Structure formats: structure tokens, C-alpha cells
N, C-alpha and C. Protein backbone atom coordinates (compact mmCIF):
# COMPACT_ATOMS: atom_id res chain seq x y z
N UNK A 1 149.60 113.99 62.68
CA UNK A 1 149.67 113.23 62.37
C UNK A 1 149.31 113.50 61.01
N UNK A 2 148.93 112.92 59.51
CA UNK A 2 148.80 113.59 58.16
C UNK A 2 147.33 114.06 58.36
N UNK A 3 146.53 114.94 57.86
CA UNK A 3 144.66 115.62 58.12
C UNK A 3 144.71 114.25 57.31
N UNK A 4 145.43 114.60 55.91
CA UNK A 4 144.33 113.85 55.19
C UNK A 4 143.43 112.28 55.77
N UNK A 5 144.40 111.53 56.05
CA UNK A 5 143.74 110.41 56.75
C UNK A 5 143.24 111.13 58.75
N UNK A 6 143.15 112.36 58.87
CA UNK A 6 142.21 112.24 59.72
C UNK A 6 141.24 112.60 60.38
N UNK A 7 140.52 112.65 61.41
CA UNK A 7 138.90 112.41 60.97
C UNK A 7 138.40 113.59 60.88
N UNK A 8 137.44 114.39 60.51
CA UNK A 8 136.73 115.84 59.74
C UNK A 8 136.41 115.92 61.84
N UNK A 9 135.69 117.53 61.54
CA UNK A 9 135.33 117.11 62.92
C UNK A 9 134.07 117.13 62.36
N UNK A 10 133.69 117.05 61.70
CA UNK A 10 131.76 116.67 61.33
C UNK A 10 132.12 114.62 62.27
N UNK A 11 133.22 114.00 61.42
CA UNK A 11 133.32 113.05 62.12
C UNK A 11 133.49 112.14 63.21
N UNK A 12 134.07 113.38 63.78
CA UNK A 12 134.38 113.76 65.67
C UNK A 12 133.45 114.26 66.08
N UNK A 13 132.40 114.89 65.98
CA UNK A 13 131.45 115.38 66.31
C UNK A 13 130.56 114.44 66.33
N UNK A 14 130.10 112.61 64.97
CA UNK A 14 129.58 112.23 65.04
C UNK A 14 129.51 111.32 66.19
N UNK A 15 131.06 110.94 66.31
CA UNK A 15 131.68 109.83 67.24
C UNK A 15 131.37 110.68 68.79
N UNK A 16 131.38 110.65 68.91
CA UNK A 16 131.09 111.76 70.06
C UNK A 16 130.04 111.45 70.41
N UNK A 17 128.81 111.93 69.77
CA UNK A 17 127.59 111.14 69.53
C UNK A 17 127.45 109.53 69.43
N UNK A 18 127.40 108.63 69.00
CA UNK A 18 127.69 107.26 68.94
C UNK A 18 127.79 107.48 70.61
N UNK A 19 129.28 107.77 70.76
CA UNK A 19 130.10 106.80 72.10
C UNK A 19 129.04 107.36 73.27
N UNK A 20 128.34 108.35 73.47
CA UNK A 20 128.10 109.23 74.63
C UNK A 20 126.18 108.27 74.43
N UNK A 21 125.39 108.06 73.39
CA UNK A 21 124.06 107.22 73.33
C UNK A 21 124.64 105.72 73.60
N UNK A 22 125.58 105.20 73.06
CA UNK A 22 125.80 104.36 73.51
C UNK A 22 126.54 103.91 75.36
N UNK A 23 126.32 104.93 76.03
CA UNK A 23 127.53 104.82 76.50
C UNK A 23 126.10 105.07 77.96
N UNK A 24 125.03 105.77 77.28
CA UNK A 24 123.92 105.96 78.57
C UNK A 24 122.84 105.02 77.83
N UNK A 25 122.88 104.12 76.86
CA UNK A 25 122.41 102.91 76.80
C UNK A 25 122.24 102.42 77.90
N UNK A 26 123.81 101.67 77.28
CA UNK A 26 124.41 100.44 78.28
C UNK A 26 123.86 100.90 80.06
N UNK A 27 124.06 102.27 80.62
CA UNK A 27 124.05 102.11 81.62
C UNK A 27 122.25 102.25 82.24
N UNK A 28 121.08 101.93 80.99
CA UNK A 28 119.86 102.23 81.03
C UNK A 28 119.91 100.29 81.12
N UNK A 29 120.95 100.00 81.12
CA UNK A 29 120.19 97.98 80.90
C UNK A 29 120.21 97.98 79.44
N UNK A 30 119.88 98.78 78.55
CA UNK A 30 120.26 98.42 77.57
C UNK A 30 121.82 97.86 76.10
N UNK A 31 121.14 97.34 75.16
CA UNK A 31 122.44 96.84 75.14
C UNK A 31 122.91 98.35 73.10
N UNK A 32 121.42 99.43 72.40
CA UNK A 32 121.42 99.65 71.66
C UNK A 32 121.26 100.38 71.83
N UNK A 33 121.43 101.74 71.28
CA UNK A 33 121.01 102.68 70.95
C UNK A 33 120.77 103.74 69.21
N UNK A 34 120.29 104.35 69.23
CA UNK A 34 119.35 105.46 67.44
C UNK A 34 119.97 106.20 68.39
N UNK A 35 121.22 106.69 66.47
CA UNK A 35 122.23 108.68 66.56
C UNK A 35 121.76 108.60 64.82
N UNK A 36 121.23 109.84 65.28
CA UNK A 36 120.29 109.87 63.71
C UNK A 36 119.86 109.00 63.21
N UNK A 37 118.81 108.58 63.44
CA UNK A 37 118.30 107.13 62.83
C UNK A 37 119.14 106.28 62.47
N UNK A 38 120.82 106.21 62.98
CA UNK A 38 120.97 104.26 62.89
C UNK A 38 120.95 103.84 63.91
N UNK A 39 120.77 102.57 64.16
CA UNK A 39 121.35 101.93 65.54
C UNK A 39 122.79 101.91 65.58
N UNK A 40 123.00 101.69 66.61
CA UNK A 40 123.98 101.74 67.20
C UNK A 40 124.34 100.72 68.43
N UNK A 41 125.62 100.20 68.14
CA UNK A 41 125.30 98.70 69.31
C UNK A 41 127.13 98.82 69.29
N UNK A 42 127.80 98.30 70.05
CA UNK A 42 129.08 98.56 71.02
C UNK A 42 130.32 97.83 69.55
N UNK A 43 130.27 97.31 68.98
CA UNK A 43 130.93 97.30 67.36
C UNK A 43 131.32 98.94 67.04
N UNK A 44 130.01 99.44 66.47
CA UNK A 44 130.24 101.28 66.10
C UNK A 44 130.38 101.93 67.09
N UNK A 45 129.70 101.67 68.42
CA UNK A 45 130.51 102.75 68.90
C UNK A 45 132.14 102.30 69.15
N UNK A 46 132.76 101.05 69.16
CA UNK A 46 133.93 101.06 69.74
C UNK A 46 134.95 101.58 67.92
N UNK A 47 134.54 101.27 67.13
CA UNK A 47 135.15 102.06 66.01
C UNK A 47 134.88 103.95 66.45
N UNK A 48 133.83 104.70 67.00
CA UNK A 48 134.01 105.61 66.92
C UNK A 48 134.71 106.38 68.06
N UNK A 49 135.30 104.89 68.83
CA UNK A 49 135.92 105.82 70.25
C UNK A 49 137.37 104.98 69.56
N UNK A 50 137.68 104.24 68.33
CA UNK A 50 138.92 104.45 67.35
C UNK A 50 139.30 105.71 66.94
N UNK A 51 138.30 106.57 66.60
CA UNK A 51 138.19 108.31 65.61
C UNK A 51 139.06 108.71 66.45
N UNK A 52 137.90 108.72 68.21
CA UNK A 52 138.16 109.40 68.89
C UNK A 52 140.01 109.50 69.52
N UNK A 53 140.50 108.32 69.78
CA UNK A 53 141.19 108.57 70.26
C UNK A 53 142.79 108.60 68.60
N UNK A 54 142.00 108.51 67.82
CA UNK A 54 143.22 109.13 67.34
C UNK A 54 143.24 111.17 66.74
N UNK A 55 141.88 111.62 67.29
CA UNK A 55 142.25 113.13 67.35
C UNK A 55 143.20 113.62 68.19
N UNK A 56 143.64 112.93 69.09
CA UNK A 56 144.53 113.57 69.68
C UNK A 56 146.32 114.20 69.60
């Protein structure tokens, strides 16, 4: 994949935080989480998972 279009290391780190936080929130019966002061819900996590999928 072209490096210009690949997510940066910082973007991947944030995506992992988003996915981990929402997964923990869902396990606790919540539908949202807060990551770095931002509300995270399933559409945000779906985008984060997409970024993580591109990193392979």
C-alpha cells in the first residue's frame, strides 16, 4: 500500500484506543466511551477498525 495514504503511527495508536475504549464500554453495558475528551460511539469505532485493517 502507498505510504502516503496509509495511516500514521499516531492515527493507528488513536484508533486502537478508540476500539479498546468502546469495546470496554460495550462490555460494561454502555453504548459510548470518552477517548481524549471526545465521545466515541460505534460509527467512530467502525472507522477506527477500518484504519487498523489498512495497516496490515
